[in-house]
Amino acid sequence: MSQVLSLFDDQPVAVRAFVRARHLLCPMMEIERRVPPAGRILELGCGHGLFSALMAAASPDRSVLGVDPSAAKIRVASGLTSRLPNVRFMQGTVDDVVEAGLDAVAIVDVLYLLAPEEKERVLRQLLGLLAPGGRLVLKTNDTHPAWKYRWAKLQEQVMTGLGLTMGHGGLHFFSCAQTVALLRRVGFREVQVAHLPTLLPYPHTLFTGLR
């Protein structure tokens, strides 16, 4: 991970601080292990490109596309492509993705920014972008235990309030059971749940499912 973080050394202090904090607060290396080691991978809501870069650096057999609506963040992420030939970035949303037959889609700490009906719409579109047997890797925060959820929600309220994450429609956290039900309703099969261990006060939860 230190190699990936060093890719941001030429960025302003604020960007370097943000991506390092992101690394410390989110178990990205554990999430990366759940992504197929080869194939075409989409990360939706890639931000500055940290997790996309980690996936690309961890396996040269992956071809990674990171997509994010923030032009400023995509400008930063695009600077990584000269040193990681198997990753590229695009400003936009799921509606702008024309890829098809993907081997995996990753979403890390994004779904809570979407209203319930928008979560379902986005997940249905992602399901359609996957090849048969393609995998969804979704990391979000559970609503249990309650004290961890309250802490995570407070942090996200601060982040969206400062404009560091794009949450103009409010925060919409789902419980583990709600997320599993949503994934199954959309059409994902073999949905599995893993609660990621951490000493930090965050209820990190990882969901995987197949098309």
N, C-alpha and C. Protein backbone atom coordinates (compact mmCIF):
# COMPACT_ATOMS: atom_id res chain seq x y z
N MET A 1 0.83 -1.21 0.00
CA MET A 1 0.00 0.00 0.00
C MET A 1 0.86 1.26 0.00
N SER A 2 2.02 1.19 0.61
CA SER A 2 2.90 2.36 0.65
C SER A 2 3.31 2.78 -0.75
N GLN A 3 3.49 1.79 -1.65
CA GLN A 3 3.83 2.09 -3.04
C GLN A 3 2.71 2.88 -3.71
N VAL A 4 1.48 2.47 -3.46
CA VAL A 4 0.33 3.15 -4.06
C VAL A 4 0.19 4.56 -3.49
N LEU A 5 0.34 4.71 -2.19
CA LEU A 5 0.24 6.04 -1.57
C LEU A 5 1.32 6.98 -2.11
N SER A 6 2.49 6.42 -2.42
CA SER A 6 3.58 7.27 -2.93
C SER A 6 3.27 7.86 -4.29
N LEU A 7 2.31 7.27 -5.01
CA LEU A 7 1.91 7.82 -6.31
C LEU A 7 1.30 9.20 -6.18
N PHE A 8 0.85 9.55 -4.98
CA PHE A 8 0.21 10.85 -4.74
C PHE A 8 1.19 11.88 -4.17
N ASP A 9 2.47 11.56 -4.11
CA ASP A 9 3.43 12.45 -3.47
C ASP A 9 3.57 13.79 -4.17
N ASP A 10 3.22 13.86 -5.44
CA ASP A 10 3.34 15.13 -6.15
C ASP A 10 2.07 15.97 -6.07
N GLN A 11 1.11 15.52 -5.28
CA GLN A 11 -0.15 16.24 -5.15
C GLN A 11 -0.08 17.26 -4.01
N PRO A 12 -1.00 18.22 -3.98
CA PRO A 12 -1.04 19.18 -2.87
C PRO A 12 -1.23 18.48 -1.53
N VAL A 13 -0.87 19.18 -0.47
CA VAL A 13 -0.93 18.60 0.87
C VAL A 13 -2.33 18.10 1.20
N ALA A 14 -3.34 18.86 0.83
CA ALA A 14 -4.71 18.48 1.17
C ALA A 14 -5.09 17.14 0.53
N VAL A 15 -4.68 16.92 -0.71
CA VAL A 15 -4.99 15.66 -1.39
C VAL A 15 -4.22 14.52 -0.74
N ARG A 16 -2.94 14.74 -0.46
CA ARG A 16 -2.14 13.69 0.18
C ARG A 16 -2.72 13.31 1.54
N ALA A 17 -3.15 14.30 2.29
CA ALA A 17 -3.74 14.04 3.61
C ALA A 17 -5.03 13.26 3.47
N PHE A 18 -5.84 13.61 2.47
CA PHE A 18 -7.13 12.95 2.29
C PHE A 18 -6.95 11.48 1.94
N VAL A 19 -6.07 11.18 0.98
CA VAL A 19 -5.92 9.78 0.57
C VAL A 19 -5.27 8.94 1.68
N ARG A 20 -4.39 9.54 2.45
CA ARG A 20 -3.79 8.79 3.57
C ARG A 20 -4.82 8.53 4.66
N ALA A 21 -5.66 9.50 4.92
CA ALA A 21 -6.74 9.28 5.89
C ALA A 21 -7.69 8.22 5.38
N ARG A 22 -7.97 8.24 4.09
CA ARG A 22 -8.85 7.23 3.49
C ARG A 22 -8.27 5.83 3.69
N HIS A 23 -6.98 5.72 3.49
CA HIS A 23 -6.30 4.44 3.70
C HIS A 23 -6.38 3.98 5.15
N LEU A 24 -6.19 4.90 6.08
CA LEU A 24 -6.20 4.53 7.50
C LEU A 24 -7.59 4.15 7.99
N LEU A 25 -8.63 4.77 7.43
CA LEU A 25 -9.98 4.58 7.93
C LEU A 25 -10.75 3.46 7.23
N CYS A 26 -10.24 3.00 6.10
CA CYS A 26 -10.96 1.98 5.33
C CYS A 26 -10.03 0.80 5.05
N PRO A 27 -10.45 -0.43 5.33
CA PRO A 27 -9.58 -1.60 5.13
C PRO A 27 -9.50 -1.99 3.66
N MET A 28 -8.86 -1.15 2.86
CA MET A 28 -8.86 -1.35 1.42
C MET A 28 -8.13 -2.62 0.98
N MET A 29 -7.08 -2.98 1.68
CA MET A 29 -6.34 -4.16 1.28
C MET A 29 -7.19 -5.42 1.46
N GLU A 30 -8.01 -5.44 2.50
CA GLU A 30 -8.90 -6.58 2.70
C GLU A 30 -9.97 -6.62 1.61
N ILE A 31 -10.46 -5.45 1.20
CA ILE A 31 -11.46 -5.39 0.14
C ILE A 31 -10.85 -5.84 -1.19
N GLU A 32 -9.63 -5.40 -1.45
CA GLU A 32 -8.96 -5.74 -2.71
C GLU A 32 -8.82 -7.24 -2.88
N ARG A 33 -8.66 -7.97 -1.79
CA ARG A 33 -8.51 -9.42 -1.87
C ARG A 33 -9.77 -10.10 -2.37
N ARG A 34 -10.91 -9.43 -2.27
CA ARG A 34 -12.18 -10.02 -2.72
C ARG A 34 -12.45 -9.74 -4.20
N VAL A 35 -11.61 -8.92 -4.82
CA VAL A 35 -11.77 -8.60 -6.24
C VAL A 35 -11.06 -9.66 -7.06
N PRO A 36 -11.65 -10.14 -8.16
CA PRO A 36 -10.96 -11.12 -9.00
C PRO A 36 -9.56 -10.63 -9.38
N PRO A 37 -8.58 -11.53 -9.40
CA PRO A 37 -7.20 -11.12 -9.68
C PRO A 37 -6.92 -10.78 -11.13
N ALA A 38 -7.87 -11.04 -12.01
CA ALA A 38 -7.67 -10.75 -13.43
C ALA A 38 -9.00 -10.34 -14.03
N GLY A 39 -8.91 -9.63 -15.15
CA GLY A 39 -10.12 -9.24 -15.87
C GLY A 39 -10.36 -7.75 -15.86
N ARG A 40 -11.50 -7.37 -16.38
CA ARG A 40 -11.89 -5.97 -16.52
C ARG A 40 -12.73 -5.57 -15.31
N ILE A 41 -12.24 -4.55 -14.59
CA ILE A 41 -12.83 -4.14 -13.32
C ILE A 41 -13.28 -2.69 -13.41
N LEU A 42 -14.48 -2.41 -12.93
CA LEU A 42 -14.97 -1.03 -12.82
C LEU A 42 -15.06 -0.66 -11.34
N GLU A 43 -14.53 0.53 -10.98
CA GLU A 43 -14.82 1.08 -9.66
C GLU A 43 -15.71 2.29 -9.85
N LEU A 44 -16.90 2.22 -9.28
CA LEU A 44 -17.84 3.33 -9.36
C LEU A 44 -17.69 4.21 -8.13
N GLY A 45 -17.48 5.51 -8.35
CA GLY A 45 -17.24 6.43 -7.24
C GLY A 45 -15.81 6.31 -6.75
N CYS A 46 -14.86 6.39 -7.68
CA CYS A 46 -13.45 6.12 -7.36
C CYS A 46 -12.75 7.26 -6.64
N GLY A 47 -13.36 8.45 -6.59
CA GLY A 47 -12.71 9.57 -5.92
C GLY A 47 -11.37 9.92 -6.55
N HIS A 48 -10.35 10.05 -5.72
CA HIS A 48 -9.01 10.38 -6.21
C HIS A 48 -8.30 9.19 -6.84
N GLY A 49 -8.93 8.03 -6.83
CA GLY A 49 -8.35 6.88 -7.52
C GLY A 49 -7.54 5.94 -6.65
N LEU A 50 -7.61 6.09 -5.33
CA LEU A 50 -6.76 5.29 -4.46
C LEU A 50 -7.05 3.79 -4.58
N PHE A 51 -8.31 3.40 -4.47
CA PHE A 51 -8.62 1.97 -4.53
C PHE A 51 -8.43 1.41 -5.93
N SER A 52 -8.77 2.19 -6.95
CA SER A 52 -8.51 1.74 -8.32
C SER A 52 -7.02 1.50 -8.53
N ALA A 53 -6.19 2.41 -8.02
CA ALA A 53 -4.75 2.25 -8.15
C ALA A 53 -4.26 1.02 -7.39
N LEU A 54 -4.83 0.79 -6.22
CA LEU A 54 -4.45 -0.40 -5.45
C LEU A 54 -4.78 -1.67 -6.22
N MET A 55 -5.97 -1.74 -6.80
CA MET A 55 -6.34 -2.92 -7.58
C MET A 55 -5.40 -3.12 -8.76
N ALA A 56 -5.06 -2.03 -9.46
CA ALA A 56 -4.18 -2.12 -10.62
C ALA A 56 -2.76 -2.53 -10.20
N ALA A 57 -2.27 -1.96 -9.11
CA ALA A 57 -0.91 -2.27 -8.67
C ALA A 57 -0.81 -3.70 -8.13
N ALA A 58 -1.89 -4.19 -7.54
CA ALA A 58 -1.86 -5.53 -6.94
C ALA A 58 -1.82 -6.63 -7.98
N SER A 59 -2.33 -6.36 -9.18
CA SER A 59 -2.34 -7.38 -10.22
C SER A 59 -2.27 -6.75 -11.60
N PRO A 60 -1.20 -7.00 -12.34
CA PRO A 60 -1.12 -6.47 -13.71
C PRO A 60 -2.11 -7.13 -14.66
N ASP A 61 -2.75 -8.22 -14.21
CA ASP A 61 -3.74 -8.90 -15.04
C ASP A 61 -5.12 -8.26 -14.96
N ARG A 62 -5.25 -7.23 -14.15
CA ARG A 62 -6.49 -6.46 -14.09
C ARG A 62 -6.41 -5.25 -15.01
N SER A 63 -7.52 -4.95 -15.66
CA SER A 63 -7.68 -3.70 -16.40
C SER A 63 -8.77 -2.91 -15.68
N VAL A 64 -8.40 -1.81 -15.03
CA VAL A 64 -9.27 -1.11 -14.11
C VAL A 64 -9.74 0.21 -14.71
N LEU A 65 -11.04 0.46 -14.60
CA LEU A 65 -11.62 1.75 -14.97
C LEU A 65 -12.24 2.36 -13.73
N GLY A 66 -11.79 3.56 -13.36
CA GLY A 66 -12.37 4.29 -12.24
C GLY A 66 -13.25 5.42 -12.75
N VAL A 67 -14.46 5.53 -12.18
CA VAL A 67 -15.43 6.55 -12.62
C VAL A 67 -15.89 7.34 -11.40
N ASP A 68 -15.94 8.66 -11.54
CA ASP A 68 -16.38 9.52 -10.44
C ASP A 68 -16.97 10.80 -11.02
N PRO A 69 -18.01 11.35 -10.39
CA PRO A 69 -18.62 12.58 -10.93
C PRO A 69 -17.80 13.85 -10.69
N SER A 70 -16.80 13.79 -9.79
CA SER A 70 -16.03 14.98 -9.46
C SER A 70 -14.90 15.21 -10.45
N ALA A 71 -14.96 16.32 -11.17
CA ALA A 71 -13.90 16.64 -12.13
C ALA A 71 -12.56 16.84 -11.43
N ALA A 72 -12.58 17.48 -10.26
CA ALA A 72 -11.33 17.74 -9.53
C ALA A 72 -10.66 16.44 -9.11
N LYS A 73 -11.45 15.51 -8.61
CA LYS A 73 -10.87 14.23 -8.17
C LYS A 73 -10.38 13.41 -9.36
N ILE A 74 -11.09 13.44 -10.46
CA ILE A 74 -10.65 12.70 -11.64
C ILE A 74 -9.36 13.28 -12.21
N ARG A 75 -9.18 14.59 -12.10
CA ARG A 75 -7.91 15.18 -12.54
C ARG A 75 -6.75 14.61 -11.75
N VAL A 76 -6.94 14.47 -10.45
CA VAL A 76 -5.89 13.87 -9.61
C VAL A 76 -5.68 12.42 -10.01
N ALA A 77 -6.77 11.67 -10.11
CA ALA A 77 -6.66 10.25 -10.43
C ALA A 77 -6.00 10.02 -11.78
N SER A 78 -6.30 10.87 -12.75
CA SER A 78 -5.74 10.67 -14.09
C SER A 78 -4.22 10.80 -14.11
N GLY A 79 -3.67 11.49 -13.12
CA GLY A 79 -2.21 11.60 -13.03
C GLY A 79 -1.53 10.28 -12.68
N LEU A 80 -2.32 9.29 -12.25
CA LEU A 80 -1.74 8.00 -11.88
C LEU A 80 -1.51 7.10 -13.08
N THR A 81 -2.16 7.40 -14.19
CA THR A 81 -2.15 6.46 -15.31
C THR A 81 -0.78 6.33 -15.97
N SER A 82 0.05 7.35 -15.88
CA SER A 82 1.38 7.25 -16.50
C SER A 82 2.26 6.25 -15.78
N ARG A 83 1.94 5.96 -14.51
CA ARG A 83 2.75 5.01 -13.74
C ARG A 83 2.05 3.68 -13.53
N LEU A 84 0.78 3.62 -13.87
CA LEU A 84 0.01 2.37 -13.79
C LEU A 84 -0.70 2.18 -15.12
N PRO A 85 -0.09 1.46 -16.04
CA PRO A 85 -0.66 1.36 -17.39
C PRO A 85 -1.97 0.59 -17.47
N ASN A 86 -2.34 -0.15 -16.41
CA ASN A 86 -3.57 -0.95 -16.46
C ASN A 86 -4.73 -0.30 -15.70
N VAL A 87 -4.66 1.03 -15.52
CA VAL A 87 -5.78 1.75 -14.92
C VAL A 87 -6.05 3.01 -15.73
N ARG A 88 -7.32 3.37 -15.83
CA ARG A 88 -7.71 4.62 -16.49
C ARG A 88 -8.92 5.18 -15.75
N PHE A 89 -9.19 6.45 -15.98
CA PHE A 89 -10.24 7.13 -15.22
C PHE A 89 -11.14 7.94 -16.15
N MET A 90 -12.36 8.13 -15.70
CA MET A 90 -13.34 8.87 -16.48
C MET A 90 -14.27 9.62 -15.54
N GLN A 91 -14.53 10.89 -15.85
CA GLN A 91 -15.51 11.64 -15.09
C GLN A 91 -16.90 11.24 -15.54
N GLY A 92 -17.79 10.96 -14.59
CA GLY A 92 -19.15 10.62 -14.94
C GLY A 92 -19.80 9.79 -13.86
N THR A 93 -20.93 9.21 -14.22
CA THR A 93 -21.70 8.35 -13.32
C THR A 93 -21.91 7.01 -14.01
N VAL A 94 -22.67 6.15 -13.37
CA VAL A 94 -22.94 4.85 -13.98
C VAL A 94 -23.64 5.01 -15.32
N ASP A 95 -24.38 6.10 -15.49
CA ASP A 95 -25.09 6.33 -16.75
C ASP A 95 -24.14 6.57 -17.92
N ASP A 96 -22.89 6.95 -17.62
CA ASP A 96 -21.92 7.24 -18.68
C ASP A 96 -21.04 6.05 -19.03
N VAL A 97 -21.18 4.96 -18.29
CA VAL A 97 -20.33 3.79 -18.52
C VAL A 97 -20.89 2.98 -19.68
N VAL A 98 -20.08 2.78 -20.69
CA VAL A 98 -20.52 2.01 -21.86
C VAL A 98 -19.86 0.63 -21.90
N GLU A 99 -19.05 0.34 -20.92
CA GLU A 99 -18.42 -0.98 -20.85
C GLU A 99 -19.49 -2.05 -20.70
N ALA A 100 -19.19 -3.25 -21.14
CA ALA A 100 -20.10 -4.38 -20.96
C ALA A 100 -19.27 -5.63 -20.76
N GLY A 101 -19.88 -6.65 -20.17
CA GLY A 101 -19.17 -7.90 -19.95
C GLY A 101 -18.04 -7.78 -18.95
N LEU A 102 -18.21 -6.93 -17.94
CA LEU A 102 -17.16 -6.73 -16.94
C LEU A 102 -17.03 -7.95 -16.03
N ASP A 103 -15.82 -8.16 -15.54
CA ASP A 103 -15.57 -9.27 -14.63
C ASP A 103 -15.91 -8.92 -13.19
N ALA A 104 -15.85 -7.64 -12.85
CA ALA A 104 -16.19 -7.22 -11.49
C ALA A 104 -16.49 -5.73 -11.46
N VAL A 105 -17.30 -5.37 -10.48
CA VAL A 105 -17.59 -3.97 -10.17
C VAL A 105 -17.34 -3.77 -8.68
N ALA A 106 -16.61 -2.73 -8.33
CA ALA A 106 -16.35 -2.39 -6.93
C ALA A 106 -16.99 -1.06 -6.59
N ILE A 107 -17.62 -1.00 -5.42
CA ILE A 107 -18.19 0.24 -4.89
C ILE A 107 -17.76 0.33 -3.43
N VAL A 108 -17.00 1.34 -3.09
CA VAL A 108 -16.44 1.46 -1.74
C VAL A 108 -16.93 2.75 -1.10
N ASP A 109 -17.79 2.62 -0.09
CA ASP A 109 -18.29 3.76 0.68
C ASP A 109 -18.93 4.82 -0.20
N VAL A 110 -19.85 4.39 -1.04
CA VAL A 110 -20.56 5.29 -1.94
C VAL A 110 -22.07 5.13 -1.80
N LEU A 111 -22.53 3.91 -1.59
CA LEU A 111 -23.96 3.62 -1.69
C LEU A 111 -24.79 4.41 -0.68
N TYR A 112 -24.21 4.74 0.47
CA TYR A 112 -24.97 5.49 1.48
C TYR A 112 -25.32 6.91 1.04
N LEU A 113 -24.65 7.37 -0.01
CA LEU A 113 -24.93 8.72 -0.53
C LEU A 113 -26.15 8.74 -1.44
N LEU A 114 -26.70 7.58 -1.76
CA LEU A 114 -27.81 7.48 -2.69
C LEU A 114 -29.11 7.17 -1.96
N ALA A 115 -30.18 7.82 -2.38
CA ALA A 115 -31.50 7.51 -1.84
C ALA A 115 -31.88 6.09 -2.21
N PRO A 116 -32.78 5.46 -1.45
CA PRO A 116 -33.11 4.05 -1.68
C PRO A 116 -33.46 3.71 -3.13
N GLU A 117 -34.30 4.51 -3.76
CA GLU A 117 -34.68 4.20 -5.13
C GLU A 117 -33.51 4.35 -6.10
N GLU A 118 -32.59 5.28 -5.77
CA GLU A 118 -31.40 5.46 -6.61
C GLU A 118 -30.41 4.32 -6.39
N LYS A 119 -30.27 3.84 -5.17
CA LYS A 119 -29.43 2.65 -4.92
C LYS A 119 -29.86 1.51 -5.84
N GLU A 120 -31.17 1.25 -5.86
CA GLU A 120 -31.67 0.12 -6.65
C GLU A 120 -31.43 0.35 -8.13
N ARG A 121 -31.66 1.56 -8.61
CA ARG A 121 -31.44 1.85 -10.02
C ARG A 121 -29.99 1.63 -10.42
N VAL A 122 -29.07 2.15 -9.60
CA VAL A 122 -27.63 2.03 -9.89
C VAL A 122 -27.20 0.56 -9.87
N LEU A 123 -27.66 -0.18 -8.87
CA LEU A 123 -27.28 -1.58 -8.78
C LEU A 123 -27.81 -2.39 -9.96
N ARG A 124 -29.01 -2.07 -10.42
CA ARG A 124 -29.55 -2.77 -11.59
C ARG A 124 -28.71 -2.49 -12.83
N GLN A 125 -28.26 -1.25 -12.97
CA GLN A 125 -27.41 -0.92 -14.11
C GLN A 125 -26.07 -1.64 -14.02
N LEU A 126 -25.52 -1.70 -12.82
CA LEU A 126 -24.24 -2.39 -12.64
C LEU A 126 -24.38 -3.88 -12.93
N LEU A 127 -25.49 -4.46 -12.51
CA LEU A 127 -25.73 -5.87 -12.80
C LEU A 127 -25.69 -6.10 -14.31
N GLY A 128 -26.30 -5.18 -15.06
CA GLY A 128 -26.32 -5.31 -16.51
C GLY A 128 -24.96 -5.14 -17.16
N LEU A 129 -24.02 -4.47 -16.48
CA LEU A 129 -22.68 -4.28 -17.04
C LEU A 129 -21.78 -5.49 -16.83
N LEU A 130 -22.16 -6.35 -15.89
CA LEU A 130 -21.34 -7.51 -15.56
C LEU A 130 -21.57 -8.65 -16.56
N ALA A 131 -20.51 -9.40 -16.81
CA ALA A 131 -20.64 -10.64 -17.56
C ALA A 131 -21.31 -11.68 -16.68
N PRO A 132 -21.92 -12.71 -17.26
CA PRO A 132 -22.44 -13.81 -16.43
C PRO A 132 -21.35 -14.35 -15.52
N GLY A 133 -21.63 -14.44 -14.24
CA GLY A 133 -20.63 -14.86 -13.27
C GLY A 133 -19.76 -13.73 -12.76
N GLY A 134 -19.96 -12.51 -13.31
CA GLY A 134 -19.21 -11.36 -12.83
C GLY A 134 -19.57 -11.02 -11.40
N ARG A 135 -18.64 -10.38 -10.69
CA ARG A 135 -18.79 -10.19 -9.25
C ARG A 135 -18.97 -8.73 -8.87
N LEU A 136 -19.89 -8.49 -7.96
CA LEU A 136 -20.03 -7.20 -7.28
C LEU A 136 -19.27 -7.26 -5.97
N VAL A 137 -18.44 -6.25 -5.70
CA VAL A 137 -17.74 -6.11 -4.42
C VAL A 137 -18.17 -4.76 -3.85
N LEU A 138 -18.99 -4.81 -2.83
CA LEU A 138 -19.61 -3.61 -2.27
C LEU A 138 -19.22 -3.46 -0.80
N LYS A 139 -18.53 -2.36 -0.50
CA LYS A 139 -18.19 -2.08 0.89
C LYS A 139 -19.02 -0.90 1.36
N THR A 140 -19.66 -1.07 2.51
CA THR A 140 -20.43 0.02 3.11
C THR A 140 -20.38 -0.13 4.63
N ASN A 141 -21.11 0.70 5.34
CA ASN A 141 -21.18 0.59 6.79
C ASN A 141 -22.54 0.07 7.21
N ASP A 142 -22.54 -0.90 8.12
CA ASP A 142 -23.77 -1.43 8.69
C ASP A 142 -24.34 -0.40 9.68
N THR A 143 -25.56 -0.62 10.13
CA THR A 143 -26.15 0.25 11.15
C THR A 143 -26.01 -0.37 12.55
N HIS A 144 -25.29 -1.46 12.65
CA HIS A 144 -25.03 -2.12 13.93
C HIS A 144 -23.54 -2.46 14.01
N PRO A 145 -22.94 -2.39 15.19
CA PRO A 145 -23.55 -1.91 16.44
C PRO A 145 -23.86 -0.42 16.38
N ALA A 146 -24.83 -0.02 17.17
CA ALA A 146 -25.37 1.33 17.06
C ALA A 146 -24.31 2.40 17.32
N TRP A 147 -23.42 2.17 18.29
CA TRP A 147 -22.44 3.21 18.61
C TRP A 147 -21.46 3.42 17.47
N LYS A 148 -21.08 2.34 16.78
CA LYS A 148 -20.19 2.49 15.63
C LYS A 148 -20.92 3.19 14.48
N TYR A 149 -22.17 2.84 14.29
CA TYR A 149 -22.96 3.47 13.24
C TYR A 149 -23.08 4.97 13.48
N ARG A 150 -23.35 5.36 14.73
CA ARG A 150 -23.50 6.79 15.04
C ARG A 150 -22.20 7.54 14.74
N TRP A 151 -21.09 6.92 15.07
CA TRP A 151 -19.79 7.57 14.81
C TRP A 151 -19.55 7.70 13.30
N ALA A 152 -19.79 6.62 12.56
CA ALA A 152 -19.59 6.65 11.11
C ALA A 152 -20.51 7.68 10.45
N LYS A 153 -21.75 7.74 10.91
CA LYS A 153 -22.70 8.69 10.33
C LYS A 153 -22.27 10.13 10.62
N LEU A 154 -21.82 10.38 11.85
CA LEU A 154 -21.35 11.73 12.19
C LEU A 154 -20.19 12.13 11.30
N GLN A 155 -19.25 11.21 11.08
CA GLN A 155 -18.10 11.53 10.22
C GLN A 155 -18.57 11.87 8.81
N GLU A 156 -19.49 11.09 8.28
CA GLU A 156 -19.95 11.34 6.92
C GLU A 156 -20.75 12.64 6.83
N GLN A 157 -21.45 12.99 7.88
CA GLN A 157 -22.14 14.28 7.88
C GLN A 157 -21.15 15.42 7.80
N VAL A 158 -20.04 15.28 8.51
CA VAL A 158 -18.99 16.30 8.45
C VAL A 158 -18.37 16.35 7.06
N MET A 159 -18.06 15.17 6.49
CA MET A 159 -17.40 15.12 5.19
C MET A 159 -18.28 15.71 4.09
N THR A 160 -19.56 15.36 4.09
CA THR A 160 -20.45 15.90 3.07
C THR A 160 -20.70 17.39 3.31
N GLY A 161 -20.76 17.79 4.58
CA GLY A 161 -20.95 19.19 4.90
C GLY A 161 -19.80 20.06 4.43
N LEU A 162 -18.59 19.50 4.46
CA LEU A 162 -17.42 20.23 4.00
C LEU A 162 -17.22 20.13 2.49
N GLY A 163 -18.04 19.31 1.86
CA GLY A 163 -17.92 19.14 0.41
C GLY A 163 -16.83 18.18 -0.01
N LEU A 164 -16.30 17.40 0.94
CA LEU A 164 -15.24 16.45 0.62
C LEU A 164 -15.78 15.19 -0.04
N THR A 165 -17.05 14.90 0.20
CA THR A 165 -17.75 13.84 -0.53
C THR A 165 -19.05 14.43 -1.05
N MET A 166 -19.52 13.86 -2.17
CA MET A 166 -20.66 14.45 -2.86
C MET A 166 -21.94 13.77 -2.37
N GLY A 167 -22.54 14.34 -1.32
CA GLY A 167 -23.75 13.77 -0.76
C GLY A 167 -24.87 14.78 -0.69
N HIS A 168 -25.21 15.35 -1.82
CA HIS A 168 -26.20 16.43 -1.83
C HIS A 168 -27.61 15.95 -1.45
N GLY A 169 -27.86 14.66 -1.59
CA GLY A 169 -29.19 14.14 -1.30
C GLY A 169 -29.33 13.58 0.09
N GLY A 170 -28.40 13.87 0.98
CA GLY A 170 -28.45 13.34 2.33
C GLY A 170 -27.76 11.99 2.43
N LEU A 171 -27.83 11.40 3.61
CA LEU A 171 -27.19 10.11 3.88
C LEU A 171 -28.27 9.05 4.06
N HIS A 172 -28.05 7.90 3.46
CA HIS A 172 -29.06 6.84 3.47
C HIS A 172 -28.38 5.50 3.78
N PHE A 173 -28.06 5.31 5.04
CA PHE A 173 -27.44 4.06 5.45
C PHE A 173 -28.48 2.95 5.53
N PHE A 174 -28.11 1.76 5.10
CA PHE A 174 -28.96 0.58 5.20
C PHE A 174 -28.36 -0.38 6.21
N SER A 175 -29.21 -1.14 6.87
CA SER A 175 -28.72 -2.22 7.71
C SER A 175 -28.20 -3.34 6.81
N CYS A 176 -27.48 -4.26 7.42
CA CYS A 176 -26.96 -5.41 6.68
C CYS A 176 -28.10 -6.17 6.01
N ALA A 177 -29.17 -6.42 6.75
CA ALA A 177 -30.29 -7.17 6.21
C ALA A 177 -30.94 -6.43 5.05
N GLN A 178 -31.06 -5.11 5.15
CA GLN A 178 -31.65 -4.32 4.06
C GLN A 178 -30.79 -4.39 2.80
N THR A 179 -29.48 -4.34 2.97
CA THR A 179 -28.59 -4.39 1.82
C THR A 179 -28.64 -5.75 1.14
N VAL A 180 -28.65 -6.81 1.93
CA VAL A 180 -28.75 -8.16 1.36
C VAL A 180 -30.06 -8.30 0.59
N ALA A 181 -31.16 -7.83 1.18
CA ALA A 181 -32.46 -7.92 0.51
C ALA A 181 -32.46 -7.13 -0.80
N LEU A 182 -31.83 -5.94 -0.78
CA LEU A 182 -31.75 -5.12 -1.99
C LEU A 182 -30.97 -5.83 -3.08
N LEU A 183 -29.82 -6.39 -2.74
CA LEU A 183 -28.99 -7.07 -3.74
C LEU A 183 -29.72 -8.25 -4.35
N ARG A 184 -30.42 -9.00 -3.53
CA ARG A 184 -31.17 -10.15 -4.04
C ARG A 184 -32.34 -9.70 -4.91
N ARG A 185 -33.00 -8.63 -4.51
CA ARG A 185 -34.13 -8.12 -5.29
C ARG A 185 -33.68 -7.64 -6.66
N VAL A 186 -32.53 -7.01 -6.70
CA VAL A 186 -31.99 -6.52 -7.97
C VAL A 186 -31.64 -7.68 -8.90
N GLY A 187 -31.21 -8.80 -8.32
CA GLY A 187 -30.88 -9.96 -9.15
C GLY A 187 -29.53 -10.58 -8.90
N PHE A 188 -28.79 -10.07 -7.92
CA PHE A 188 -27.51 -10.69 -7.60
C PHE A 188 -27.76 -12.02 -6.89
N ARG A 189 -26.93 -12.99 -7.17
CA ARG A 189 -27.06 -14.30 -6.55
C ARG A 189 -25.82 -14.60 -5.72
N GLU A 190 -25.95 -15.61 -4.89
CA GLU A 190 -24.85 -16.02 -4.00
C GLU A 190 -24.31 -14.83 -3.20
N VAL A 191 -25.22 -14.03 -2.68
CA VAL A 191 -24.83 -12.85 -1.90
C VAL A 191 -24.19 -13.30 -0.58
N GLN A 192 -23.03 -12.77 -0.31
CA GLN A 192 -22.31 -13.10 0.92
C GLN A 192 -21.96 -11.82 1.67
N VAL A 193 -21.85 -11.94 2.99
CA VAL A 193 -21.58 -10.79 3.86
C VAL A 193 -20.37 -11.09 4.72
N ALA A 194 -19.48 -10.10 4.84
CA ALA A 194 -18.33 -10.23 5.73
C ALA A 194 -18.20 -8.95 6.54
N HIS A 195 -18.18 -9.07 7.85
CA HIS A 195 -17.95 -7.92 8.72
C HIS A 195 -16.44 -7.80 8.92
N LEU A 196 -15.88 -6.72 8.43
CA LEU A 196 -14.42 -6.57 8.41
C LEU A 196 -13.92 -6.11 9.77
N PRO A 197 -13.04 -6.89 10.39
CA PRO A 197 -12.57 -6.54 11.73
C PRO A 197 -11.70 -5.29 11.71
N THR A 198 -11.88 -4.44 12.70
CA THR A 198 -11.08 -3.23 12.82
C THR A 198 -11.14 -2.74 14.26
N LEU A 199 -10.08 -2.10 14.69
CA LEU A 199 -10.06 -1.49 16.01
C LEU A 199 -10.71 -0.11 16.00
N LEU A 200 -10.97 0.39 14.80
CA LEU A 200 -11.56 1.72 14.66
C LEU A 200 -13.08 1.63 14.82
N PRO A 201 -13.72 2.73 15.17
CA PRO A 201 -15.18 2.72 15.44
C PRO A 201 -16.02 2.82 14.17
N TYR A 202 -15.83 1.85 13.26
CA TYR A 202 -16.60 1.85 12.02
C TYR A 202 -17.15 0.44 11.79
N PRO A 203 -18.44 0.32 11.47
CA PRO A 203 -19.03 -1.00 11.22
C PRO A 203 -18.84 -1.44 9.77
N HIS A 204 -17.56 -1.58 9.36
CA HIS A 204 -17.24 -1.93 7.98
C HIS A 204 -17.86 -3.27 7.61
N THR A 205 -18.59 -3.29 6.52
CA THR A 205 -19.23 -4.52 6.06
C THR A 205 -19.03 -4.66 4.56
N LEU A 206 -18.68 -5.87 4.14
CA LEU A 206 -18.40 -6.14 2.74
C LEU A 206 -19.42 -7.12 2.20
N PHE A 207 -20.02 -6.79 1.08
CA PHE A 207 -21.01 -7.63 0.41
C PHE A 207 -20.46 -8.05 -0.95
N THR A 208 -20.61 -9.29 -1.29
CA THR A 208 -20.27 -9.75 -2.62
C THR A 208 -21.47 -10.49 -3.20
N GLY A 209 -21.59 -10.44 -4.51
CA GLY A 209 -22.67 -11.13 -5.19
C GLY A 209 -22.27 -11.36 -6.63
N LEU A 210 -22.92 -12.30 -7.28
CA LEU A 210 -22.62 -12.65 -8.65
C LEU A 210 -23.80 -12.36 -9.56
N ARG A 211 -23.49 -12.07 -10.82
CA ARG A 211 -24.57 -11.95 -11.80
C ARG A 211 -25.00 -13.36 -12.20
